[in-house]
Amino acid sequence: MTDRPIAAGERFADVGDWNNSGGVNGSSGPNLWRTLGFRRTGWEPGGSTVEWDATVEYGFTTPGGPVIQGGLVTAVLDSAMGGACFTTLDRDELFLTADLRVEFFRPTRPGTLRAVGTVLRRTRKVVFCAAELYDAAGTTLAASRCTQVLMPA
């Protein structure tokens, strides 16, 4: 069976609203994106890139130097995958993460991080996504996969 190419959903046209609000439906209140300083730097049907300037305040000290906390690494990966999923949705659809897995390859150090999320496959009820996290030098630090469950908006 050959998978079809990932197509943009109706919400792909809402990218500007998401970038300006950090969320869906023009929400201007507090949210994770604004709190942590995430920024979307790339969009395409089935893809999303999120960057974050991780500072030492988001980690802990080790003998080898500061390391960013793993839950925050997971949050930026999840945001990239969620953004990729969002690009495939129609306006009458929402999604929730059903499962999430992260593999940490190297310690994530403070600096500019880039998470690239991709939709691997979309069905009527489920979207399978993946993401990789890179440092400023382009070194892969972590990878993630998730399953998003679609539901009516």
N, C-alpha and C. Protein backbone atom coordinates (compact mmCIF):
# COMPACT_ATOMS: atom_id res chain seq x y z
N MET A 1 0.84 -1.18 0.00
CA MET A 1 0.00 0.00 0.00
C MET A 1 0.89 1.24 0.00
N THR A 2 0.62 2.17 -0.89
CA THR A 2 1.38 3.41 -0.98
C THR A 2 0.60 4.52 -0.28
N ASP A 3 1.28 5.22 0.63
CA ASP A 3 0.64 6.35 1.30
C ASP A 3 0.53 7.53 0.35
N ARG A 4 -0.56 8.26 0.47
CA ARG A 4 -0.75 9.47 -0.32
C ARG A 4 0.12 10.58 0.25
N PRO A 5 0.49 11.56 -0.57
CA PRO A 5 1.22 12.72 -0.04
C PRO A 5 0.38 13.44 1.01
N ILE A 6 1.03 14.08 1.95
CA ILE A 6 0.32 14.82 3.00
C ILE A 6 -0.23 16.10 2.38
N ALA A 7 -1.53 16.31 2.54
CA ALA A 7 -2.19 17.47 1.97
C ALA A 7 -2.49 18.49 3.06
N ALA A 8 -2.48 19.76 2.68
CA ALA A 8 -2.85 20.82 3.61
C ALA A 8 -4.34 20.75 3.90
N GLY A 9 -4.68 20.97 5.16
CA GLY A 9 -6.08 21.08 5.55
C GLY A 9 -6.50 22.55 5.51
N GLU A 10 -7.77 22.80 5.82
CA GLU A 10 -8.28 24.17 5.83
C GLU A 10 -7.55 25.04 6.84
N ARG A 11 -7.10 24.44 7.94
CA ARG A 11 -6.42 25.23 8.97
C ARG A 11 -5.03 25.72 8.54
N PHE A 12 -4.50 25.16 7.45
CA PHE A 12 -3.20 25.63 6.96
C PHE A 12 -3.27 27.13 6.65
N ALA A 13 -4.42 27.60 6.23
CA ALA A 13 -4.61 29.03 5.95
C ALA A 13 -4.59 29.87 7.23
N ASP A 14 -4.72 29.23 8.41
CA ASP A 14 -4.75 29.93 9.69
C ASP A 14 -3.37 30.07 10.32
N VAL A 15 -2.32 29.79 9.58
CA VAL A 15 -0.97 29.83 10.12
C VAL A 15 -0.65 31.17 10.75
N GLY A 16 -1.03 32.25 10.11
CA GLY A 16 -0.76 33.58 10.66
C GLY A 16 -1.40 33.79 12.01
N ASP A 17 -2.64 33.32 12.18
CA ASP A 17 -3.30 33.44 13.48
C ASP A 17 -2.54 32.68 14.55
N TRP A 18 -2.06 31.48 14.21
CA TRP A 18 -1.31 30.67 15.18
C TRP A 18 -0.02 31.38 15.56
N ASN A 19 0.70 31.89 14.57
CA ASN A 19 1.97 32.57 14.84
C ASN A 19 1.78 33.79 15.73
N ASN A 20 0.70 34.54 15.52
CA ASN A 20 0.48 35.76 16.29
C ASN A 20 -0.01 35.48 17.70
N SER A 21 -0.70 34.36 17.90
CA SER A 21 -1.31 34.12 19.20
C SER A 21 -0.64 33.02 20.00
N GLY A 22 0.13 32.16 19.34
CA GLY A 22 0.70 31.02 20.04
C GLY A 22 -0.32 29.92 20.24
N GLY A 23 -1.39 29.95 19.50
CA GLY A 23 -2.41 28.93 19.65
C GLY A 23 -3.49 29.09 18.62
N VAL A 24 -4.54 28.34 18.79
CA VAL A 24 -5.65 28.31 17.84
C VAL A 24 -6.69 29.36 18.23
N ASN A 25 -7.44 29.83 17.27
CA ASN A 25 -8.57 30.73 17.47
C ASN A 25 -8.18 32.10 18.02
N GLY A 26 -6.98 32.58 17.69
CA GLY A 26 -6.58 33.92 18.06
C GLY A 26 -6.41 34.16 19.55
N SER A 27 -6.16 33.12 20.33
CA SER A 27 -5.99 33.27 21.77
C SER A 27 -4.81 34.19 22.07
N SER A 28 -5.06 35.27 22.80
CA SER A 28 -3.98 36.20 23.10
C SER A 28 -3.54 36.13 24.56
N GLY A 29 -4.12 35.25 25.33
CA GLY A 29 -3.78 35.13 26.74
C GLY A 29 -2.51 34.33 26.95
N PRO A 30 -2.19 34.03 28.20
CA PRO A 30 -0.99 33.26 28.51
C PRO A 30 -1.05 31.88 27.86
N ASN A 31 0.07 31.44 27.38
CA ASN A 31 0.16 30.10 26.82
C ASN A 31 1.61 29.65 26.84
N LEU A 32 1.82 28.38 26.61
CA LEU A 32 3.15 27.79 26.66
C LEU A 32 4.12 28.49 25.73
N TRP A 33 3.68 28.79 24.52
CA TRP A 33 4.56 29.42 23.53
C TRP A 33 5.09 30.75 24.03
N ARG A 34 4.20 31.58 24.54
CA ARG A 34 4.60 32.90 25.01
C ARG A 34 5.46 32.78 26.26
N THR A 35 5.10 31.88 27.15
CA THR A 35 5.85 31.71 28.40
C THR A 35 7.29 31.27 28.15
N LEU A 36 7.47 30.29 27.26
CA LEU A 36 8.81 29.76 27.01
C LEU A 36 9.55 30.50 25.89
N GLY A 37 8.82 31.21 25.06
CA GLY A 37 9.46 31.93 23.97
C GLY A 37 9.65 31.10 22.71
N PHE A 38 8.81 30.08 22.52
CA PHE A 38 8.87 29.30 21.28
C PHE A 38 8.49 30.20 20.11
N ARG A 39 9.06 29.93 18.94
CA ARG A 39 8.67 30.65 17.73
C ARG A 39 8.63 29.68 16.56
N ARG A 40 7.60 29.82 15.75
CA ARG A 40 7.45 28.98 14.56
C ARG A 40 8.26 29.63 13.46
N THR A 41 9.17 28.87 12.87
CA THR A 41 10.02 29.41 11.81
C THR A 41 9.79 28.73 10.47
N GLY A 42 8.94 27.72 10.42
CA GLY A 42 8.65 27.05 9.16
C GLY A 42 7.33 26.33 9.18
N TRP A 43 6.62 26.38 8.06
CA TRP A 43 5.33 25.70 7.89
C TRP A 43 5.27 25.15 6.48
N GLU A 44 4.70 24.00 6.34
CA GLU A 44 4.35 23.42 5.05
C GLU A 44 3.30 22.36 5.33
N PRO A 45 2.54 21.95 4.34
CA PRO A 45 1.56 20.89 4.61
C PRO A 45 2.26 19.65 5.19
N GLY A 46 1.88 19.31 6.41
CA GLY A 46 2.47 18.15 7.08
C GLY A 46 3.81 18.42 7.74
N GLY A 47 4.19 19.69 7.88
CA GLY A 47 5.48 19.99 8.50
C GLY A 47 5.46 21.29 9.29
N SER A 48 6.29 21.35 10.33
CA SER A 48 6.38 22.53 11.18
C SER A 48 7.75 22.58 11.82
N THR A 49 8.35 23.77 11.84
CA THR A 49 9.63 23.96 12.52
C THR A 49 9.44 24.97 13.63
N VAL A 50 9.93 24.63 14.83
CA VAL A 50 9.82 25.48 16.00
C VAL A 50 11.24 25.71 16.54
N GLU A 51 11.56 26.98 16.83
CA GLU A 51 12.84 27.29 17.45
C GLU A 51 12.62 27.84 18.85
N TRP A 52 13.65 27.64 19.68
CA TRP A 52 13.59 28.08 21.07
C TRP A 52 14.99 28.40 21.54
N ASP A 53 15.14 29.55 22.18
CA ASP A 53 16.41 29.93 22.78
C ASP A 53 16.39 29.45 24.22
N ALA A 54 16.90 28.25 24.43
CA ALA A 54 16.92 27.63 25.77
C ALA A 54 18.05 28.24 26.58
N THR A 55 17.71 28.77 27.74
CA THR A 55 18.71 29.38 28.61
C THR A 55 18.99 28.46 29.81
N VAL A 56 20.05 28.77 30.54
CA VAL A 56 20.45 27.93 31.68
C VAL A 56 19.34 27.82 32.72
N GLU A 57 18.44 28.81 32.77
CA GLU A 57 17.33 28.77 33.74
C GLU A 57 16.38 27.61 33.49
N TYR A 58 16.42 27.02 32.29
CA TYR A 58 15.54 25.90 31.95
C TYR A 58 16.24 24.55 32.13
N GLY A 59 17.31 24.54 32.87
CA GLY A 59 18.03 23.29 33.04
C GLY A 59 18.62 23.13 34.43
N PHE A 60 19.66 22.35 34.48
CA PHE A 60 20.37 22.09 35.73
C PHE A 60 21.84 21.94 35.43
N THR A 61 22.65 22.08 36.47
CA THR A 61 24.10 22.02 36.32
C THR A 61 24.58 20.59 36.49
N THR A 62 25.48 20.19 35.60
CA THR A 62 26.15 18.89 35.70
C THR A 62 27.65 19.14 35.66
N PRO A 63 28.47 18.16 36.01
CA PRO A 63 29.92 18.35 35.92
C PRO A 63 30.37 18.71 34.50
N GLY A 64 29.59 18.30 33.48
CA GLY A 64 29.95 18.61 32.10
C GLY A 64 29.37 19.92 31.60
N GLY A 65 28.65 20.65 32.46
CA GLY A 65 28.04 21.90 32.06
C GLY A 65 26.53 21.83 32.17
N PRO A 66 25.85 22.94 31.91
CA PRO A 66 24.39 22.97 32.05
C PRO A 66 23.70 22.10 31.01
N VAL A 67 22.58 21.48 31.42
CA VAL A 67 21.78 20.62 30.56
C VAL A 67 20.32 21.07 30.68
N ILE A 68 19.64 21.20 29.55
CA ILE A 68 18.23 21.58 29.54
C ILE A 68 17.38 20.38 30.00
N GLN A 69 16.41 20.65 30.84
CA GLN A 69 15.55 19.62 31.42
C GLN A 69 14.79 18.87 30.32
N GLY A 70 14.71 17.55 30.45
CA GLY A 70 14.12 16.70 29.43
C GLY A 70 12.66 16.97 29.13
N GLY A 71 11.89 17.39 30.12
CA GLY A 71 10.49 17.70 29.88
C GLY A 71 10.33 18.90 28.96
N LEU A 72 11.26 19.85 29.04
CA LEU A 72 11.21 21.01 28.15
C LEU A 72 11.67 20.65 26.75
N VAL A 73 12.63 19.74 26.65
CA VAL A 73 13.02 19.20 25.34
C VAL A 73 11.81 18.52 24.71
N THR A 74 11.08 17.75 25.50
CA THR A 74 9.88 17.07 25.03
C THR A 74 8.83 18.08 24.57
N ALA A 75 8.68 19.18 25.31
CA ALA A 75 7.67 20.19 24.96
C ALA A 75 7.95 20.81 23.60
N VAL A 76 9.19 21.10 23.28
CA VAL A 76 9.48 21.72 21.98
C VAL A 76 9.30 20.70 20.85
N LEU A 77 9.64 19.44 21.08
CA LEU A 77 9.39 18.39 20.09
C LEU A 77 7.89 18.21 19.88
N ASP A 78 7.13 18.15 20.96
CA ASP A 78 5.68 17.99 20.90
C ASP A 78 5.04 19.17 20.15
N SER A 79 5.56 20.36 20.37
CA SER A 79 5.03 21.55 19.68
C SER A 79 5.27 21.48 18.17
N ALA A 80 6.42 20.98 17.77
CA ALA A 80 6.71 20.84 16.34
C ALA A 80 5.79 19.80 15.71
N MET A 81 5.57 18.68 16.40
CA MET A 81 4.67 17.65 15.87
C MET A 81 3.23 18.14 15.86
N GLY A 82 2.82 18.84 16.91
CA GLY A 82 1.47 19.38 16.95
C GLY A 82 1.23 20.38 15.83
N GLY A 83 2.23 21.21 15.57
CA GLY A 83 2.12 22.17 14.47
C GLY A 83 2.01 21.47 13.13
N ALA A 84 2.79 20.41 12.94
CA ALA A 84 2.72 19.64 11.69
C ALA A 84 1.33 19.03 11.53
N CYS A 85 0.79 18.47 12.60
CA CYS A 85 -0.56 17.89 12.57
C CYS A 85 -1.58 18.97 12.24
N PHE A 86 -1.46 20.13 12.87
CA PHE A 86 -2.39 21.25 12.66
C PHE A 86 -2.52 21.61 11.19
N THR A 87 -1.42 21.55 10.45
CA THR A 87 -1.44 21.95 9.03
C THR A 87 -2.33 21.05 8.18
N THR A 88 -2.66 19.86 8.69
CA THR A 88 -3.47 18.91 7.92
C THR A 88 -4.94 18.93 8.30
N LEU A 89 -5.30 19.72 9.32
CA LEU A 89 -6.67 19.71 9.83
C LEU A 89 -7.60 20.60 9.04
N ASP A 90 -8.87 20.21 9.00
CA ASP A 90 -9.91 21.09 8.53
C ASP A 90 -10.45 21.85 9.74
N ARG A 91 -11.23 22.88 9.49
CA ARG A 91 -11.68 23.75 10.60
C ARG A 91 -12.64 23.05 11.56
N ASP A 92 -13.20 21.93 11.17
CA ASP A 92 -14.11 21.21 12.07
C ASP A 92 -13.39 20.11 12.84
N GLU A 93 -12.05 20.13 12.84
CA GLU A 93 -11.26 19.09 13.51
C GLU A 93 -10.33 19.69 14.57
N LEU A 94 -10.13 18.92 15.63
CA LEU A 94 -9.14 19.19 16.67
C LEU A 94 -8.35 17.91 16.87
N PHE A 95 -7.23 18.00 17.61
CA PHE A 95 -6.47 16.79 17.90
C PHE A 95 -6.00 16.81 19.34
N LEU A 96 -5.80 15.61 19.88
CA LEU A 96 -5.20 15.41 21.19
C LEU A 96 -4.11 14.36 21.05
N THR A 97 -3.05 14.53 21.81
CA THR A 97 -1.96 13.56 21.76
C THR A 97 -2.36 12.31 22.52
N ALA A 98 -2.32 11.17 21.85
CA ALA A 98 -2.67 9.89 22.49
C ALA A 98 -1.43 9.22 23.09
N ASP A 99 -0.30 9.34 22.41
CA ASP A 99 0.94 8.84 22.99
C ASP A 99 2.10 9.66 22.46
N LEU A 100 3.19 9.63 23.21
CA LEU A 100 4.37 10.44 22.90
C LEU A 100 5.60 9.71 23.39
N ARG A 101 6.58 9.59 22.52
CA ARG A 101 7.82 8.91 22.89
C ARG A 101 8.98 9.80 22.50
N VAL A 102 9.97 9.91 23.37
CA VAL A 102 11.16 10.72 23.09
C VAL A 102 12.40 9.89 23.36
N GLU A 103 13.36 10.01 22.46
CA GLU A 103 14.68 9.40 22.64
C GLU A 103 15.70 10.53 22.72
N PHE A 104 16.47 10.54 23.79
CA PHE A 104 17.49 11.56 24.02
C PHE A 104 18.84 10.98 23.60
N PHE A 105 19.44 11.55 22.55
CA PHE A 105 20.71 11.03 22.03
C PHE A 105 21.92 11.67 22.71
N ARG A 106 21.80 12.95 23.04
CA ARG A 106 22.88 13.71 23.65
C ARG A 106 22.28 14.68 24.66
N PRO A 107 23.07 15.16 25.59
CA PRO A 107 22.54 16.21 26.48
C PRO A 107 22.21 17.46 25.65
N THR A 108 21.09 18.07 25.97
CA THR A 108 20.70 19.31 25.31
C THR A 108 21.24 20.47 26.13
N ARG A 109 22.11 21.24 25.52
CA ARG A 109 22.76 22.37 26.19
C ARG A 109 22.00 23.67 25.88
N PRO A 110 22.17 24.69 26.72
CA PRO A 110 21.56 25.98 26.43
C PRO A 110 22.00 26.50 25.06
N GLY A 111 21.10 27.23 24.41
CA GLY A 111 21.36 27.79 23.09
C GLY A 111 20.12 27.71 22.23
N THR A 112 20.25 28.07 20.98
CA THR A 112 19.12 28.01 20.06
C THR A 112 18.90 26.57 19.63
N LEU A 113 17.68 26.09 19.85
CA LEU A 113 17.29 24.73 19.49
C LEU A 113 16.26 24.81 18.38
N ARG A 114 16.27 23.82 17.48
CA ARG A 114 15.33 23.77 16.37
C ARG A 114 14.70 22.39 16.32
N ALA A 115 13.37 22.35 16.44
CA ALA A 115 12.60 21.10 16.35
C ALA A 115 11.86 21.09 15.03
N VAL A 116 12.04 20.02 14.27
CA VAL A 116 11.39 19.87 12.96
C VAL A 116 10.40 18.72 13.06
N GLY A 117 9.12 19.05 12.93
CA GLY A 117 8.05 18.05 13.02
C GLY A 117 7.48 17.72 11.66
N THR A 118 7.09 16.45 11.50
CA THR A 118 6.58 15.96 10.23
C THR A 118 5.41 15.02 10.47
N VAL A 119 4.40 15.11 9.63
CA VAL A 119 3.33 14.12 9.63
C VAL A 119 3.80 12.94 8.79
N LEU A 120 3.83 11.78 9.38
CA LEU A 120 4.23 10.57 8.68
C LEU A 120 3.06 9.95 7.92
N ARG A 121 1.89 9.98 8.56
CA ARG A 121 0.70 9.39 7.95
C ARG A 121 -0.52 9.98 8.63
N ARG A 122 -1.56 10.21 7.84
CA ARG A 122 -2.83 10.70 8.39
C ARG A 122 -3.95 9.81 7.89
N THR A 123 -4.81 9.40 8.83
CA THR A 123 -6.03 8.69 8.47
C THR A 123 -7.20 9.58 8.87
N ARG A 124 -8.41 9.08 8.76
CA ARG A 124 -9.58 9.89 9.14
C ARG A 124 -9.60 10.19 10.64
N LYS A 125 -9.01 9.32 11.46
CA LYS A 125 -9.13 9.47 12.91
C LYS A 125 -7.81 9.62 13.65
N VAL A 126 -6.69 9.38 12.96
CA VAL A 126 -5.38 9.38 13.64
C VAL A 126 -4.33 10.02 12.74
N VAL A 127 -3.41 10.77 13.38
CA VAL A 127 -2.26 11.34 12.66
C VAL A 127 -1.00 10.87 13.38
N PHE A 128 -0.08 10.28 12.63
CA PHE A 128 1.20 9.81 13.16
C PHE A 128 2.27 10.84 12.79
N CYS A 129 3.01 11.31 13.79
CA CYS A 129 3.99 12.37 13.59
C CYS A 129 5.36 11.97 14.13
N ALA A 130 6.39 12.66 13.67
CA ALA A 130 7.75 12.49 14.16
C ALA A 130 8.41 13.86 14.22
N ALA A 131 9.44 13.98 15.05
CA ALA A 131 10.21 15.23 15.12
C ALA A 131 11.63 14.92 15.53
N GLU A 132 12.53 15.81 15.13
CA GLU A 132 13.93 15.75 15.57
C GLU A 132 14.31 17.11 16.11
N LEU A 133 15.20 17.10 17.11
CA LEU A 133 15.69 18.33 17.73
C LEU A 133 17.16 18.50 17.40
N TYR A 134 17.52 19.72 16.97
CA TYR A 134 18.90 20.03 16.57
C TYR A 134 19.41 21.23 17.37
N ASP A 135 20.71 21.26 17.61
CA ASP A 135 21.32 22.44 18.18
C ASP A 135 21.73 23.38 17.05
N ALA A 136 22.36 24.51 17.39
CA ALA A 136 22.72 25.51 16.38
C ALA A 136 23.72 24.98 15.37
N ALA A 137 24.52 23.99 15.74
CA ALA A 137 25.50 23.40 14.83
C ALA A 137 24.88 22.33 13.92
N GLY A 138 23.60 22.01 14.15
CA GLY A 138 22.93 21.00 13.34
C GLY A 138 23.06 19.59 13.87
N THR A 139 23.58 19.42 15.07
CA THR A 139 23.71 18.11 15.69
C THR A 139 22.35 17.64 16.18
N THR A 140 21.99 16.40 15.88
CA THR A 140 20.72 15.84 16.36
C THR A 140 20.85 15.50 17.84
N LEU A 141 19.97 16.07 18.65
CA LEU A 141 20.00 15.88 20.09
C LEU A 141 18.97 14.88 20.59
N ALA A 142 17.80 14.87 19.94
CA ALA A 142 16.70 14.01 20.39
C ALA A 142 15.75 13.78 19.23
N ALA A 143 14.94 12.74 19.35
CA ALA A 143 13.93 12.43 18.34
C ALA A 143 12.66 12.00 19.07
N SER A 144 11.54 12.20 18.40
CA SER A 144 10.26 11.90 19.03
C SER A 144 9.27 11.38 18.00
N ARG A 145 8.30 10.62 18.49
CA ARG A 145 7.17 10.17 17.68
C ARG A 145 5.93 10.31 18.54
N CYS A 146 4.82 10.56 17.87
CA CYS A 146 3.56 10.65 18.62
C CYS A 146 2.41 10.20 17.74
N THR A 147 1.31 9.90 18.40
CA THR A 147 0.05 9.60 17.75
C THR A 147 -0.95 10.65 18.18
N GLN A 148 -1.56 11.33 17.22
CA GLN A 148 -2.56 12.34 17.50
C GLN A 148 -3.94 11.77 17.13
N VAL A 149 -4.89 11.88 18.03
CA VAL A 149 -6.25 11.41 17.77
C VAL A 149 -7.08 12.60 17.32
N LEU A 150 -7.78 12.45 16.19
CA LEU A 150 -8.62 13.52 15.68
C LEU A 150 -10.01 13.43 16.28
N MET A 151 -10.61 14.60 16.52
CA MET A 151 -11.95 14.68 17.06
C MET A 151 -12.66 15.92 16.51
N PRO A 152 -13.98 15.95 16.61
CA PRO A 152 -14.70 17.13 16.12
C PRO A 152 -14.35 18.38 16.92
N ALA A 153 -14.28 19.51 16.23
CA ALA A 153 -13.97 20.79 16.91
C ALA A 153 -15.15 21.23 17.76
